[in-house]
Amino acid sequence: MVPWEGYVSDETMGTFAPILLYWVYAGGYQLILHRRPLERYRLHTRAEEEEKNLVSLPAVIRGVLLQQLVQAIVAMILFMVTSDSSTVVVQPPITIQTFQFLVAMLVMDSWQYFVHRYMHQNKFLYRHIHSQHHRLIVPYAIGALYNHPLEGLLLDTVGGAISFLVSGMTPRTSIFFFCFAVLKTVDDHCGLWLPYNIFQNLFQNNTAYHDVHHQLQGLKYNYSQPFFSIWDRILGTHMPYNLVSRKEGGLEARPLRD
């Protein structure tokens, strides 16, 4: 029994809960990002954010909303095609759901690694599509899904659909999976290194790891997202880093390669 049962279908929740959660979680980060007590946890100074980023916050918000519109349409079509309203879906045991969760994580990581890497290697795709995401040289939470619409469709939306189909999870399980993926993706772009952040402590592929990728020195490294760093390590695109304190306050994810 779940709180929304009898009020909203699992398919509707699977479509819209991740979108709502994105704005709640990213919005919370945006509210605290510039608070003075958190300056010591920032990976970039406020001056860097203002000087280096090539796109305004309103433009970022519009871009994210466009991607989420496409995402919602694809999700509704996917659930419509794969669901049978004449049958009652029985949730599998938690062990099966856990396995499906892990499969979906590995599938999504694999899809996003190779698509992401190819968008960097293909000069046309990088210049005309993927470079839009890298206009945020200093990442922040709301910009986690700021992409060219085609990239948003191919990398995130199609990748999510493939993960859902390959794992065999039910629409109800997918609610938790896609919400988890949203939280992780937002956190990877939050721009803060927080001491008790569960994502940053449990995952090597975290905020600092992805921050290196947004730096010029790390542009062709640390492609892995959103969960593990497996493919980077296997295929030689892993760039280690040290977290060092800045003289002006805050932290820096400093790459260890020249």
Protein backbone atom coordinates (compact mmCIF):
# COMPACT_ATOMS: atom_id res chain seq x y z
CA MET A 1 0.00 0.00 0.00
CA VAL A 2 1.37 3.41 -0.98
CA PRO A 3 0.00 6.86 -0.03
CA TRP A 4 -1.19 7.70 -3.56
CA GLU A 5 -2.98 4.39 -4.20
CA GLY A 6 -6.61 5.02 -5.12
CA TYR A 7 -5.92 8.66 -5.96
CA VAL A 8 -3.22 8.70 -8.62
CA SER A 9 -2.01 5.87 -10.84
CA ASP A 10 1.54 4.58 -10.62
CA GLU A 11 2.04 5.63 -14.24
CA THR A 12 1.05 9.21 -13.45
CA MET A 13 3.32 9.26 -10.41
CA GLY A 14 6.17 7.80 -12.47
CA THR A 15 5.72 10.61 -14.98
CA PHE A 16 5.37 13.62 -12.71
CA ALA A 17 6.91 12.78 -9.31
CA PRO A 18 10.52 12.98 -10.62
CA ILE A 19 9.78 16.36 -12.21
CA LEU A 20 8.27 17.77 -9.03
CA LEU A 21 11.09 16.35 -6.93
CA TYR A 22 13.65 17.96 -9.24
CA TRP A 23 12.32 21.44 -8.49
CA VAL A 24 11.93 20.81 -4.77
CA TYR A 25 15.45 19.42 -4.34
CA ALA A 26 17.22 21.73 -6.79
CA GLY A 27 15.23 24.70 -5.50
CA GLY A 28 16.33 23.91 -1.96
CA TYR A 29 19.96 23.89 -3.06
CA GLN A 30 19.47 27.14 -4.91
CA LEU A 31 18.10 28.79 -1.77
CA ILE A 32 21.06 27.78 0.38
CA LEU A 33 23.85 28.04 -2.23
CA HIS A 34 24.62 31.68 -1.50
CA ARG A 35 24.15 31.56 2.26
CA ARG A 36 27.30 32.80 4.00
CA PRO A 37 27.65 29.83 6.42
CA LEU A 38 27.92 27.51 3.40
CA GLU A 39 30.66 29.49 1.63
CA ARG A 40 33.28 27.13 3.06
CA TYR A 41 31.63 24.18 1.27
CA ARG A 42 31.45 25.75 -2.19
CA LEU A 43 33.55 24.23 -4.97
CA HIS A 44 33.64 27.60 -6.75
CA THR A 45 33.38 31.15 -5.50
CA ARG A 46 30.38 33.30 -6.27
CA ALA A 47 32.65 35.49 -8.39
CA GLU A 48 33.62 32.49 -10.52
CA GLU A 49 29.98 31.58 -11.01
CA GLU A 50 29.13 35.07 -12.20
CA GLU A 51 32.21 35.46 -14.41
CA LYS A 52 32.51 32.02 -16.00
CA ASN A 53 28.96 30.87 -16.64
CA LEU A 54 27.74 31.76 -20.11
CA VAL A 55 23.99 31.48 -19.55
CA SER A 56 21.56 33.21 -17.20
CA LEU A 57 19.46 31.47 -14.56
CA PRO A 58 16.14 32.31 -16.34
CA ALA A 59 17.47 30.73 -19.56
CA VAL A 60 18.55 27.65 -17.61
CA ILE A 61 15.08 27.32 -16.05
CA ARG A 62 13.42 27.59 -19.47
CA GLY A 63 15.76 24.95 -20.86
CA VAL A 64 15.05 22.53 -18.02
CA LEU A 65 11.29 23.01 -18.33
CA LEU A 66 11.46 22.24 -22.05
CA GLN A 67 13.39 19.03 -21.39
CA GLN A 68 10.93 17.99 -18.71
CA LEU A 69 7.99 18.60 -21.05
CA VAL A 70 9.50 16.21 -23.57
CA GLN A 71 10.35 13.80 -20.76
CA ALA A 72 6.74 13.77 -19.52
CA ILE A 73 5.36 13.13 -23.02
CA VAL A 74 7.74 10.22 -23.62
CA ALA A 75 7.01 8.77 -20.17
CA MET A 76 3.25 8.85 -20.76
CA ILE A 77 3.67 7.13 -24.12
CA LEU A 78 6.02 4.53 -22.62
CA PHE A 79 3.63 3.67 -19.78
CA MET A 80 0.67 3.61 -22.18
CA VAL A 81 2.44 1.12 -24.46
CA THR A 82 3.81 -1.14 -21.73
CA SER A 83 0.90 -1.15 -19.26
CA ASP A 84 -2.27 -3.24 -19.45
CA SER A 85 -5.16 -1.64 -17.57
CA SER A 86 -7.11 -4.93 -17.60
CA THR A 87 -4.59 -6.68 -15.35
CA VAL A 88 -3.56 -6.03 -11.77
CA VAL A 89 0.18 -5.47 -11.41
CA VAL A 90 1.64 -7.37 -8.46
CA GLN A 91 4.83 -5.95 -7.01
CA PRO A 92 7.65 -8.52 -6.95
CA PRO A 93 9.54 -9.27 -3.72
CA ILE A 94 11.91 -6.58 -2.48
CA THR A 95 14.89 -8.72 -3.47
CA ILE A 96 13.73 -8.74 -7.10
CA GLN A 97 13.04 -5.01 -7.01
CA THR A 98 16.53 -4.39 -5.61
CA PHE A 99 18.04 -6.43 -8.44
CA GLN A 100 15.95 -4.50 -11.00
CA PHE A 101 17.11 -1.25 -9.41
CA LEU A 102 20.76 -2.28 -9.79
CA VAL A 103 20.24 -3.42 -13.39
CA ALA A 104 18.57 -0.12 -14.25
CA MET A 105 21.44 1.81 -12.66
CA LEU A 106 24.03 -0.12 -14.68
CA VAL A 107 22.05 0.22 -17.92
CA MET A 108 21.55 3.96 -17.42
CA ASP A 109 25.23 4.44 -16.57
CA SER A 110 26.31 2.51 -19.68
CA TRP A 111 23.97 4.39 -21.99
CA GLN A 112 24.89 7.79 -20.63
CA TYR A 113 28.63 7.12 -20.59
CA PHE A 114 28.88 6.17 -24.25
CA VAL A 115 26.43 8.79 -25.53
CA HIS A 116 28.04 11.47 -23.37
CA ARG A 117 31.54 10.51 -24.45
CA TYR A 118 30.58 10.45 -28.14
CA MET A 119 29.08 13.93 -27.83
CA HIS A 120 32.49 15.14 -26.68
CA GLN A 121 34.44 13.26 -29.34
CA ASN A 122 32.24 14.28 -32.27
CA LYS A 123 33.09 17.95 -32.89
CA PHE A 124 29.79 18.69 -34.64
CA LEU A 125 27.71 17.21 -31.81
CA TYR A 126 29.76 18.97 -29.17
CA ARG A 127 29.67 22.36 -30.88
CA HIS A 128 25.98 22.33 -31.76
CA ILE A 129 24.44 20.21 -28.99
CA HIS A 130 26.44 19.20 -25.92
CA SER A 131 28.26 22.51 -25.49
CA GLN A 132 24.97 23.98 -24.25
CA HIS A 133 25.30 22.00 -21.01
CA HIS A 134 28.90 23.18 -20.62
CA ARG A 135 27.85 26.82 -20.71
CA LEU A 136 27.55 26.17 -16.98
CA ILE A 137 31.26 25.99 -16.31
CA VAL A 138 30.40 26.39 -12.65
CA PRO A 139 27.54 23.89 -12.15
CA TYR A 140 24.60 24.49 -9.84
CA ALA A 141 21.64 22.30 -8.92
CA ILE A 142 18.90 23.82 -11.07
CA GLY A 143 21.15 23.46 -14.11
CA ALA A 144 21.52 19.68 -13.73
CA LEU A 145 19.14 19.07 -16.66
CA TYR A 146 20.07 22.14 -18.65
CA ASN A 147 20.76 20.54 -22.03
CA HIS A 148 20.08 21.02 -25.71
CA PRO A 149 16.57 19.51 -26.29
CA LEU A 150 18.00 16.78 -28.52
CA GLU A 151 20.56 15.82 -25.90
CA GLY A 152 17.92 15.82 -23.19
CA LEU A 153 15.81 13.47 -25.28
CA LEU A 154 18.65 11.14 -26.28
CA LEU A 155 20.79 11.09 -23.13
CA ASP A 156 18.29 11.33 -20.29
CA THR A 157 14.82 10.47 -21.57
CA VAL A 158 15.70 7.62 -23.92
CA GLY A 159 18.31 6.38 -21.45
CA GLY A 160 15.67 6.28 -18.72
CA ALA A 161 13.21 4.44 -20.98
CA ILE A 162 15.82 1.81 -21.88
CA SER A 163 16.71 1.34 -18.21
CA PHE A 164 13.03 0.81 -17.38
CA LEU A 165 12.48 -1.69 -20.18
CA VAL A 166 15.68 -3.72 -19.70
CA SER A 167 15.29 -3.99 -15.92
CA GLY A 168 11.69 -5.17 -16.20
CA MET A 169 10.62 -3.05 -13.24
CA THR A 170 6.98 -2.20 -12.66
CA PRO A 171 5.67 1.38 -12.96
CA ARG A 172 5.58 1.58 -9.16
CA THR A 173 9.22 0.56 -8.81
CA SER A 174 10.12 3.03 -11.55
CA ILE A 175 8.75 5.89 -9.43
CA PHE A 176 11.42 5.24 -6.81
CA PHE A 177 14.13 4.60 -9.38
CA PHE A 178 13.55 7.77 -11.40
CA CYS A 179 13.18 9.87 -8.24
CA PHE A 180 16.47 8.43 -6.98
CA ALA A 181 18.14 9.19 -10.33
CA VAL A 182 16.85 12.77 -10.19
CA LEU A 183 18.16 13.31 -6.66
CA LYS A 184 21.56 11.93 -7.66
CA THR A 185 21.78 14.02 -10.84
CA VAL A 186 20.82 17.23 -9.04
CA ASP A 187 23.28 16.49 -6.26
CA ASP A 188 26.10 15.93 -8.76
CA HIS A 189 25.62 19.50 -9.99
CA CYS A 190 24.93 21.23 -6.67
CA GLY A 191 28.32 22.93 -6.38
CA LEU A 192 28.64 22.19 -2.67
CA TRP A 193 30.77 19.59 -0.89
CA LEU A 194 28.75 18.87 2.24
CA PRO A 195 30.21 16.71 5.04
CA TYR A 196 27.08 14.65 5.73
CA ASN A 197 25.76 14.34 2.18
CA ILE A 198 24.83 10.69 1.64
CA PHE A 199 25.39 10.79 -2.13
CA GLN A 200 28.83 12.34 -1.80
CA ASN A 201 29.85 9.83 0.87
CA LEU A 202 28.49 6.69 -0.79
CA PHE A 203 29.35 7.36 -4.45
CA GLN A 204 32.79 8.04 -5.92
CA ASN A 205 30.94 9.59 -8.86
CA ASN A 206 29.74 12.64 -6.99
CA THR A 207 29.66 16.44 -7.00
CA ALA A 208 33.43 16.92 -7.02
CA TYR A 209 33.95 14.14 -9.57
CA HIS A 210 31.54 15.76 -12.03
CA ASP A 211 32.86 19.22 -11.28
CA VAL A 212 36.22 18.10 -12.67
CA HIS A 213 34.47 17.23 -15.94
CA HIS A 214 33.11 20.77 -16.19
CA GLN A 215 36.62 22.20 -15.89
CA LEU A 216 38.69 22.74 -19.04
CA GLN A 217 41.34 20.32 -17.80
CA GLY A 218 38.80 17.56 -17.22
CA LEU A 219 36.60 18.08 -20.26
CA LYS A 220 37.63 14.76 -21.83
CA TYR A 221 37.52 12.84 -18.57
CA ASN A 222 34.96 11.75 -15.96
CA TYR A 223 32.16 11.14 -18.46
CA SER A 224 30.40 8.67 -16.18
CA GLN A 225 26.99 9.66 -14.85
CA PRO A 226 24.88 9.51 -12.81
CA PHE A 227 25.79 6.63 -10.49
CA PHE A 228 29.14 4.87 -10.83
CA SER A 229 32.57 5.59 -12.31
CA ILE A 230 33.02 2.07 -13.71
CA TRP A 231 33.28 2.93 -17.40
CA ASP A 232 35.72 5.78 -16.78
CA ARG A 233 38.01 3.42 -14.92
CA ILE A 234 37.75 0.60 -17.47
CA LEU A 235 38.25 2.81 -20.53
CA GLY A 236 40.92 5.17 -19.20
CA THR A 237 38.86 8.36 -18.90
CA HIS A 238 39.00 8.57 -15.12
CA MET A 239 40.63 11.73 -13.77
CA PRO A 240 41.41 11.66 -10.04
CA TYR A 241 41.38 14.84 -8.00
CA ASN A 242 42.18 16.27 -4.60
CA LEU A 243 39.83 18.43 -2.60
CA VAL A 244 41.90 21.39 -1.42
CA SER A 245 40.98 24.50 0.54
CA ARG A 246 41.00 27.82 -1.27
CA LYS A 247 42.79 30.81 0.23
CA GLU A 248 39.69 32.92 -0.36
CA GLY A 249 37.50 30.30 1.31
CA GLY A 250 35.67 27.23 0.10
CA LEU A 251 37.05 24.16 -1.64
CA GLU A 252 38.43 23.20 -5.04
CA ALA A 253 38.31 19.84 -6.84
CA ARG A 254 41.84 19.99 -8.25
CA PRO A 255 42.62 17.46 -11.03
CA LEU A 256 45.77 15.39 -10.52
CA ARG A 257 46.69 15.12 -14.23
CA ASP A 258 48.34 17.82 -16.34
